[in-house]
Amino acid sequence: MKETKQTIDRIFEKMWRTRKMDIFTLFASALLGVIFDWNVVEISVFIVFISALLFSVPSRFLALPALFFLSMTPFLLLLDRKESAEEFAVYAYYFLVMAVVRGIIETRKEV
């Protein structure tokens, strides 16, 4: 148990030394969401977007949540949950934008 804790501590220490600015940027983006009075989901989506830019998340991993949210929208409309359906459509749009931005970055790195 003690060795596991030490290993985890070493991992976090190494990550802090090598990615200090990236971690600070993620905390700053969460703080920005609090300042703008966003809800938890909006802050989480913004942090996912920033981390996708910083940590090179493949665009296909960002397209999967977009497809999920987009496919759930008609079901929510059938259940007469129009407000939830509208939120899911907006989240689908956010993730589609993130996937496109990440795809552009991936394409530019290939050239």
C-alpha atoms as a PDB file:
ATOM      1  CA  MET A   1       0.000   0.000   0.000  1.00  0.00           C
ATOM      2  CA  LYS A   2       2.796   2.357   0.932  1.00  0.00           C
ATOM      3  CA  GLU A   3       4.679   1.575  -2.309  1.00  0.00           C
ATOM      4  CA  THR A   4       1.559   2.298  -4.372  1.00  0.00           C
ATOM      5  CA  LYS A   5       1.136   5.676  -2.691  1.00  0.00           C
ATOM      6  CA  GLN A   6       4.789   6.511  -3.301  1.00  0.00           C
ATOM      7  CA  THR A   7       4.451   5.490  -6.950  1.00  0.00           C
ATOM      8  CA  ILE A   8       1.378   7.684  -7.375  1.00  0.00           C
ATOM      9  CA  ASP A   9       3.194  10.565  -5.659  1.00  0.00           C
ATOM     10  CA  ARG A  10       6.143  10.145  -8.035  1.00  0.00           C
ATOM     11  CA  ILE A  11       3.835  10.157 -11.062  1.00  0.00           C
ATOM     12  CA  PHE A  12       2.139  13.376  -9.945  1.00  0.00           C
ATOM     13  CA  GLU A  13       5.499  14.955  -9.088  1.00  0.00           C
ATOM     14  CA  LYS A  14       6.909  14.078 -12.520  1.00  0.00           C
ATOM     15  CA  MET A  15       3.768  15.350 -14.236  1.00  0.00           C
ATOM     16  CA  TRP A  16       3.954  18.587 -12.240  1.00  0.00           C
ATOM     17  CA  ARG A  17       7.601  19.118 -13.220  1.00  0.00           C
ATOM     18  CA  THR A  18       7.101  18.447 -16.921  1.00  0.00           C
ATOM     19  CA  ARG A  19       3.602  19.863 -17.565  1.00  0.00           C
ATOM     20  CA  LYS A  20       3.387  22.679 -15.021  1.00  0.00           C
ATOM     21  CA  MET A  21       2.098  25.259 -17.489  1.00  0.00           C
ATOM     22  CA  ASP A  22      -0.498  22.868 -18.935  1.00  0.00           C
ATOM     23  CA  ILE A  23      -1.887  22.067 -15.484  1.00  0.00           C
ATOM     24  CA  PHE A  24      -1.974  25.765 -14.641  1.00  0.00           C
ATOM     25  CA  THR A  25      -3.866  26.416 -17.879  1.00  0.00           C
ATOM     26  CA  LEU A  26      -6.475  23.792 -16.988  1.00  0.00           C
ATOM     27  CA  PHE A  27      -6.984  25.346 -13.549  1.00  0.00           C
ATOM     28  CA  ALA A  28      -7.184  28.796 -15.145  1.00  0.00           C
ATOM     29  CA  SER A  29      -9.840  27.577 -17.581  1.00  0.00           C
ATOM     30  CA  ALA A  30     -11.896  26.182 -14.674  1.00  0.00           C
ATOM     31  CA  LEU A  31     -11.511  29.491 -12.858  1.00  0.00           C
ATOM     32  CA  LEU A  32     -12.594  31.328 -15.999  1.00  0.00           C
ATOM     33  CA  GLY A  33     -15.748  29.226 -16.072  1.00  0.00           C
ATOM     34  CA  VAL A  34     -16.475  30.114 -12.452  1.00  0.00           C
ATOM     35  CA  ILE A  35     -15.925  33.812 -13.169  1.00  0.00           C
ATOM     36  CA  PHE A  36     -18.354  33.696 -16.112  1.00  0.00           C
ATOM     37  CA  ASP A  37     -20.872  31.835 -13.914  1.00  0.00           C
ATOM     38  CA  TRP A  38     -21.040  28.737 -16.128  1.00  0.00           C
ATOM     39  CA  ASN A  39     -22.581  25.550 -14.805  1.00  0.00           C
ATOM     40  CA  VAL A  40     -20.531  22.437 -14.093  1.00  0.00           C
ATOM     41  CA  VAL A  41     -21.214  20.843 -17.466  1.00  0.00           C
ATOM     42  CA  GLU A  42     -20.154  23.935 -19.399  1.00  0.00           C
ATOM     43  CA  ILE A  43     -16.963  24.218 -17.346  1.00  0.00           C
ATOM     44  CA  SER A  44     -16.253  20.515 -17.953  1.00  0.00           C
ATOM     45  CA  VAL A  45     -16.757  20.857 -21.707  1.00  0.00           C
ATOM     46  CA  PHE A  46     -14.426  23.880 -21.764  1.00  0.00           C
ATOM     47  CA  ILE A  47     -11.772  21.973 -19.795  1.00  0.00           C
ATOM     48  CA  VAL A  48     -12.100  19.042 -22.225  1.00  0.00           C
ATOM     49  CA  PHE A  49     -11.586  21.449 -25.127  1.00  0.00           C
ATOM     50  CA  ILE A  50      -8.494  23.021 -23.563  1.00  0.00           C
ATOM     51  CA  SER A  51      -7.045  19.642 -22.586  1.00  0.00           C
ATOM     52  CA  ALA A  52      -7.689  18.310 -26.109  1.00  0.00           C
ATOM     53  CA  LEU A  53      -5.553  21.143 -27.422  1.00  0.00           C
ATOM     54  CA  LEU A  54      -2.819  20.740 -24.814  1.00  0.00           C
ATOM     55  CA  PHE A  55      -2.542  16.948 -24.643  1.00  0.00           C
ATOM     56  CA  SER A  56      -3.130  16.067 -28.333  1.00  0.00           C
ATOM     57  CA  VAL A  57      -6.351  14.083 -27.961  1.00  0.00           C
ATOM     58  CA  PRO A  58      -7.222  12.462 -31.317  1.00  0.00           C
ATOM     59  CA  SER A  59     -10.209  14.011 -33.046  1.00  0.00           C
ATOM     60  CA  ARG A  60     -12.066  10.697 -33.210  1.00  0.00           C
ATOM     61  CA  PHE A  61     -12.287  10.655 -29.400  1.00  0.00           C
ATOM     62  CA  LEU A  62     -13.980  14.046 -29.531  1.00  0.00           C
ATOM     63  CA  ALA A  63     -16.377  12.970 -32.270  1.00  0.00           C
ATOM     64  CA  LEU A  64     -17.748  10.056 -30.220  1.00  0.00           C
ATOM     65  CA  PRO A  65     -19.419  12.228 -27.547  1.00  0.00           C
ATOM     66  CA  ALA A  66     -20.762  14.440 -30.338  1.00  0.00           C
ATOM     67  CA  LEU A  67     -22.418  11.429 -31.952  1.00  0.00           C
ATOM     68  CA  PHE A  68     -23.786  10.322 -28.589  1.00  0.00           C
ATOM     69  CA  PHE A  69     -25.336  13.706 -27.813  1.00  0.00           C
ATOM     70  CA  LEU A  70     -26.650  14.041 -31.351  1.00  0.00           C
ATOM     71  CA  SER A  71     -28.248  10.590 -31.301  1.00  0.00           C
ATOM     72  CA  MET A  72     -29.878  11.195 -27.898  1.00  0.00           C
ATOM     73  CA  THR A  73     -31.564  14.421 -29.043  1.00  0.00           C
ATOM     74  CA  PRO A  74     -34.470  12.771 -30.950  1.00  0.00           C
ATOM     75  CA  PHE A  75     -35.164  10.403 -28.050  1.00  0.00           C
ATOM     76  CA  LEU A  76     -35.395  13.305 -25.651  1.00  0.00           C
ATOM     77  CA  LEU A  77     -37.761  15.061 -28.027  1.00  0.00           C
ATOM     78  CA  LEU A  78     -39.940  11.946 -28.146  1.00  0.00           C
ATOM     79  CA  LEU A  79     -40.047  11.950 -24.351  1.00  0.00           C
ATOM     80  CA  ASP A  80     -41.161  15.607 -24.460  1.00  0.00           C
ATOM     81  CA  ARG A  81     -37.981  16.844 -22.773  1.00  0.00           C
ATOM     82  CA  LYS A  82     -37.343  19.749 -25.113  1.00  0.00           C
ATOM     83  CA  GLU A  83     -34.998  21.662 -22.808  1.00  0.00           C
ATOM     84  CA  SER A  84     -32.762  18.638 -22.307  1.00  0.00           C
ATOM     85  CA  ALA A  85     -32.831  17.915 -26.041  1.00  0.00           C
ATOM     86  CA  GLU A  86     -31.732  21.476 -26.748  1.00  0.00           C
ATOM     87  CA  GLU A  87     -28.863  21.197 -24.252  1.00  0.00           C
ATOM     88  CA  PHE A  88     -27.762  17.893 -25.786  1.00  0.00           C
ATOM     89  CA  ALA A  89     -27.824  19.452 -29.254  1.00  0.00           C
ATOM     90  CA  VAL A  90     -25.631  22.298 -28.017  1.00  0.00           C
ATOM     91  CA  TYR A  91     -23.189  19.838 -26.420  1.00  0.00           C
ATOM     92  CA  ALA A  92     -23.110  17.867 -29.683  1.00  0.00           C
ATOM     93  CA  TYR A  93     -22.221  21.082 -31.493  1.00  0.00           C
ATOM     94  CA  TYR A  94     -19.458  21.853 -28.975  1.00  0.00           C
ATOM     95  CA  PHE A  95     -17.891  18.428 -29.426  1.00  0.00           C
ATOM     96  CA  LEU A  96     -18.195  18.626 -33.207  1.00  0.00           C
ATOM     97  CA  VAL A  97     -16.368  21.957 -33.162  1.00  0.00           C
ATOM     98  CA  MET A  98     -13.680  20.471 -30.922  1.00  0.00           C
ATOM     99  CA  ALA A  99     -13.295  17.477 -33.257  1.00  0.00           C
ATOM    100  CA  VAL A 100     -12.960  19.753 -36.298  1.00  0.00           C
ATOM    101  CA  VAL A 101     -10.386  21.995 -34.582  1.00  0.00           C
ATOM    102  CA  ARG A 102      -8.417  18.946 -33.464  1.00  0.00           C
ATOM    103  CA  GLY A 103      -8.699  17.454 -36.980  1.00  0.00           C
ATOM    104  CA  ILE A 104      -7.300  20.645 -38.503  1.00  0.00           C
ATOM    105  CA  ILE A 105      -4.381  20.547 -36.068  1.00  0.00           C
ATOM    106  CA  GLU A 106      -3.748  16.877 -36.870  1.00  0.00           C
ATOM    107  CA  THR A 107      -3.816  17.579 -40.605  1.00  0.00           C
ATOM    108  CA  ARG A 108      -1.420  20.503 -40.299  1.00  0.00           C
ATOM    109  CA  LYS A 109       1.031  18.354 -38.306  1.00  0.00           C
ATOM    110  CA  GLU A 110       1.020  15.708 -41.065  1.00  0.00           C
ATOM    111  CA  VAL A 111       2.052  18.214 -43.739  1.00  0.00           C
END
